[in-house]
Protein backbone atom coordinates (compact mmCIF):
# COMPACT_ATOMS: atom_id res chain seq x y z
CA MET A 1 -4.06 -33.74 -1.49
CA LYS A 2 -3.32 -30.39 0.52
CA LEU A 3 -0.58 -28.81 2.30
CA TYR A 4 -0.58 -27.50 6.00
CA ASP A 5 1.29 -24.49 5.47
CA TYR A 6 2.56 -21.15 7.18
CA ALA A 7 3.86 -19.46 4.11
CA ILE A 8 6.33 -16.98 5.68
CA ALA A 9 8.22 -19.59 7.64
CA PRO A 10 11.55 -20.56 6.27
CA ASN A 11 10.86 -24.25 5.62
CA PRO A 12 7.33 -23.70 4.02
CA ARG A 13 9.17 -21.30 1.89
CA ARG A 14 11.54 -23.80 0.55
CA VAL A 15 8.72 -26.07 -0.58
CA ASN A 16 6.53 -23.43 -1.90
CA ILE A 17 9.46 -21.97 -4.14
CA PHE A 18 10.04 -25.63 -5.15
CA LEU A 19 6.58 -26.08 -6.29
CA ALA A 20 6.53 -22.84 -7.98
CA GLU A 21 9.76 -23.85 -9.95
CA LYS A 22 7.95 -27.16 -10.84
CA GLY A 23 4.64 -25.27 -11.88
CA ILE A 24 2.83 -27.56 -9.10
CA GLU A 25 -0.22 -26.20 -7.41
CA VAL A 26 -1.51 -27.73 -4.28
CA PRO A 27 -4.60 -26.64 -2.17
CA VAL A 28 -3.26 -25.11 1.06
CA GLU A 29 -4.59 -25.03 4.67
CA GLU A 30 -2.66 -22.18 6.65
CA ILE A 31 -1.77 -22.95 10.19
CA ASP A 32 -1.12 -19.86 12.08
CA LEU A 33 2.01 -20.37 14.21
CA ARG A 34 1.49 -16.91 15.85
CA GLN A 35 -1.93 -18.05 17.23
CA LYS A 36 -0.02 -21.35 18.19
CA GLN A 37 -2.51 -23.55 16.13
CA ASN A 38 0.56 -25.83 15.52
CA VAL A 39 0.59 -27.02 19.00
CA GLY A 40 -3.25 -27.40 19.27
CA PRO A 41 -4.68 -30.98 19.68
CA ASP A 42 -5.96 -31.04 16.05
CA PHE A 43 -2.77 -30.33 14.32
CA LEU A 44 -0.60 -32.38 16.78
CA ALA A 45 -2.74 -35.31 15.65
CA ILE A 46 -1.51 -34.72 12.34
CA ASN A 47 2.25 -34.13 13.26
CA ALA A 48 3.08 -34.54 16.85
CA LEU A 49 6.27 -32.37 16.32
CA GLY A 50 4.03 -29.42 15.50
CA THR A 51 6.00 -28.24 12.57
CA VAL A 52 4.92 -27.14 9.33
CA GLN A 53 4.60 -27.91 6.21
CA VAL A 54 2.83 -31.22 6.16
CA LEU A 55 1.61 -32.75 2.87
CA GLU A 56 -1.51 -34.82 3.36
CA LEU A 57 -2.02 -37.29 0.51
CA ASP A 58 -5.39 -38.32 -0.93
CA ASP A 59 -5.27 -41.46 1.01
CA GLY A 60 -4.78 -39.65 4.35
CA THR A 61 -0.98 -40.28 4.67
CA HIS A 62 1.01 -37.38 6.12
CA ILE A 63 4.49 -36.42 5.06
CA SER A 64 6.36 -33.71 6.88
CA GLU A 65 9.83 -32.23 6.68
CA SER A 66 10.46 -29.77 3.75
CA MET A 67 13.05 -31.90 1.98
CA ALA A 68 10.89 -35.04 2.24
CA ILE A 69 7.87 -33.11 0.54
CA CYS A 70 10.18 -31.73 -2.24
CA ARG A 71 11.70 -35.43 -2.78
CA TYR A 72 7.94 -36.62 -3.17
CA PHE A 73 7.14 -33.92 -5.79
CA GLU A 74 10.41 -34.50 -7.56
CA ALA A 75 9.54 -38.13 -8.05
CA VAL A 76 5.93 -37.18 -9.11
CA GLN A 77 7.11 -34.73 -11.61
CA PRO A 78 10.79 -35.04 -12.60
CA ASP A 79 11.00 -32.19 -14.83
CA PRO A 80 12.45 -29.65 -14.43
CA PRO A 81 14.88 -31.65 -12.27
CA LEU A 82 15.54 -29.69 -9.06
CA MET A 83 17.58 -32.65 -7.11
CA GLY A 84 19.68 -34.09 -10.01
CA THR A 85 19.26 -36.69 -12.68
CA THR A 86 22.47 -38.72 -12.67
CA PRO A 87 24.06 -40.49 -9.54
CA GLU A 88 26.76 -37.74 -9.37
CA GLU A 89 24.44 -34.71 -9.82
CA ILE A 90 22.09 -36.25 -7.24
CA ALA A 91 24.84 -36.79 -4.67
CA ARG A 92 26.45 -33.42 -5.33
CA ILE A 93 23.10 -31.43 -5.02
CA GLU A 94 22.46 -33.49 -1.74
CA MET A 95 25.92 -32.58 -0.41
CA TRP A 96 25.38 -29.00 -0.74
CA GLN A 97 21.66 -28.95 0.39
CA ARG A 98 22.70 -30.57 3.45
CA ARG A 99 25.77 -28.13 4.01
CA VAL A 100 23.12 -25.21 3.68
CA GLU A 101 20.83 -26.84 5.98
CA LEU A 102 23.15 -28.06 8.65
CA ASN A 103 25.55 -25.00 8.59
CA GLY A 104 23.33 -22.28 7.52
CA MET A 105 19.52 -22.87 8.37
CA THR A 106 19.99 -24.67 11.58
CA PRO A 107 22.16 -22.10 13.25
CA ALA A 108 20.07 -19.42 11.65
CA GLY A 109 17.20 -20.96 13.55
CA GLU A 110 19.20 -21.03 16.64
CA ALA A 111 20.01 -17.43 16.45
CA PHE A 112 16.52 -16.14 15.87
CA ARG A 113 14.65 -18.39 18.29
CA ASN A 114 17.10 -17.50 21.04
CA PHE A 115 17.14 -13.84 20.29
CA GLU A 116 13.39 -13.10 19.62
CA PRO A 117 11.43 -12.38 22.81
CA ALA A 118 8.27 -13.80 21.49
CA PHE A 119 10.05 -17.41 21.87
CA GLU A 120 10.58 -17.07 25.54
CA ASN A 121 9.17 -20.36 27.06
CA ARG A 122 7.30 -20.94 23.71
CA ALA A 123 7.03 -24.28 22.13
CA VAL A 124 8.97 -24.56 18.87
CA ALA A 125 8.69 -28.10 17.98
CA GLY A 126 5.79 -30.11 19.69
CA PRO A 127 4.15 -28.98 22.93
CA ASP A 128 7.46 -28.72 24.93
CA LYS A 129 8.46 -25.25 25.93
CA TYR A 130 12.03 -23.91 26.16
CA PRO A 131 13.79 -20.70 27.67
CA LEU A 132 15.75 -18.39 25.48
CA ASN A 133 19.38 -19.10 25.50
CA PRO A 134 21.61 -15.94 24.54
CA GLU A 135 24.72 -17.99 24.29
CA LEU A 136 23.00 -20.36 21.75
CA ALA A 137 21.90 -17.25 19.79
CA GLU A 138 25.29 -15.82 19.68
CA ARG A 139 26.82 -19.09 18.50
CA GLY A 140 24.30 -19.36 15.74
CA ARG A 141 25.12 -15.83 14.65
CA ILE A 142 28.76 -16.73 14.48
CA ARG A 143 28.09 -19.88 12.62
CA VAL A 144 25.82 -18.08 9.97
CA THR A 145 28.44 -15.41 9.47
CA LYS A 146 31.15 -17.87 8.95
CA PHE A 147 29.06 -19.99 6.36
CA PHE A 148 28.31 -16.82 4.38
CA ASP A 149 31.98 -16.52 3.96
CA TYR A 150 32.14 -20.25 2.89
CA LEU A 151 29.45 -19.83 0.47
CA ASP A 152 30.97 -16.69 -0.98
CA ASN A 153 34.17 -18.49 -1.64
CA ALA A 154 32.25 -21.60 -3.02
CA LEU A 155 30.40 -19.44 -5.58
CA ASP A 156 33.71 -17.91 -6.95
CA GLY A 157 33.50 -18.77 -10.73
CA ARG A 158 29.91 -20.39 -10.92
CA ASP A 159 26.36 -19.32 -11.07
CA TYR A 160 24.78 -21.96 -8.71
CA ILE A 161 25.47 -23.40 -5.48
CA ALA A 162 25.67 -27.22 -6.63
CA GLY A 163 27.31 -26.71 -9.94
CA ASP A 164 26.04 -25.76 -13.35
CA SER A 165 22.49 -25.51 -12.85
CA PHE A 166 19.57 -24.27 -10.68
CA SER A 167 18.78 -26.80 -7.79
CA VAL A 168 17.12 -27.32 -4.40
CA ALA A 169 20.40 -26.11 -2.87
CA ASP A 170 19.91 -22.68 -4.38
CA ILE A 171 16.35 -22.56 -2.98
CA SER A 172 17.61 -23.43 0.64
CA GLY A 173 20.49 -20.92 0.15
CA PHE A 174 18.11 -18.23 -0.88
CA VAL A 175 15.74 -19.08 1.89
CA LEU A 176 18.68 -19.03 4.31
CA VAL A 177 19.76 -15.50 3.51
CA GLY A 178 16.21 -14.28 4.10
CA PHE A 179 15.79 -16.09 7.23
CA ALA A 180 19.14 -14.72 8.70
CA GLY A 181 17.85 -11.28 8.03
CA TRP A 182 15.28 -11.96 10.88
CA SER A 183 18.34 -11.90 13.26
CA ASN A 184 19.82 -8.84 11.48
CA LEU A 185 22.32 -10.95 9.73
CA ALA A 186 23.33 -10.50 6.13
CA PRO A 187 25.97 -10.97 3.70
CA GLU A 188 28.79 -8.58 3.74
CA GLU A 189 29.50 -6.01 1.15
CA SER A 190 32.81 -7.75 0.52
CA GLN A 191 31.20 -10.95 -0.18
CA THR A 192 30.67 -10.14 -3.92
CA ASN A 193 30.00 -13.64 -5.12
CA LEU A 194 27.29 -14.34 -2.58
CA LYS A 195 25.59 -10.99 -3.13
CA ALA A 196 25.55 -11.42 -7.00
CA TRP A 197 24.27 -14.94 -6.61
CA TYR A 198 21.52 -13.70 -4.28
CA ASP A 199 20.52 -11.00 -6.73
CA ARG A 200 20.18 -13.57 -9.51
CA MET A 201 18.14 -15.84 -7.34
CA SER A 202 15.90 -12.89 -6.45
CA ALA A 203 15.12 -12.19 -10.04
CA ARG A 204 13.47 -15.73 -10.48
CA PRO A 205 9.67 -15.70 -10.57
CA SER A 206 9.49 -18.32 -7.95
CA MET A 207 11.49 -16.53 -5.42
CA GLN A 208 9.43 -13.39 -5.83
CA SER A 209 6.11 -15.21 -4.97
């Protein structure tokens, strides 16, 4: 078993924090996105979309997409539970995880990939290349800003995004705030609930790795 990884990228960070919370160590092979190893023939044979992370099992099976990899390890090692244990908890955590992913991570990606000059006509998923789109970047920035406000309101009176305990939704939220910073986006000083939550998450050893 091993992980094809690019540790500083947002989605690999989510998996790596998840594994750290579980206390699971997996051998890693780094795929250098800056050197475009992810769109070379060797890696495209592993994942035709050219995205990391990819988990390679002992029998040669490949599992990609960060949350799919997390679900695999949640099933392998249920404790500590990060995706819920009861039907209600599982659904609630999945609801918040998807909210963070669709309303935060996705527009943060749009903002960065259409704002950063290095992405001009560069493949971002698979071998196809796309030009920068400033309007898409601006829309992404607006969506992230609005979602930070939504999260700030949701965190009023609670310590964690999805309820009473730390979960994968908090991991995704923490990574989102860091990723948004790549596009010079950050929680406002007035968003005190979100900032206090982020400070608590930053103190966790898994987040500091």
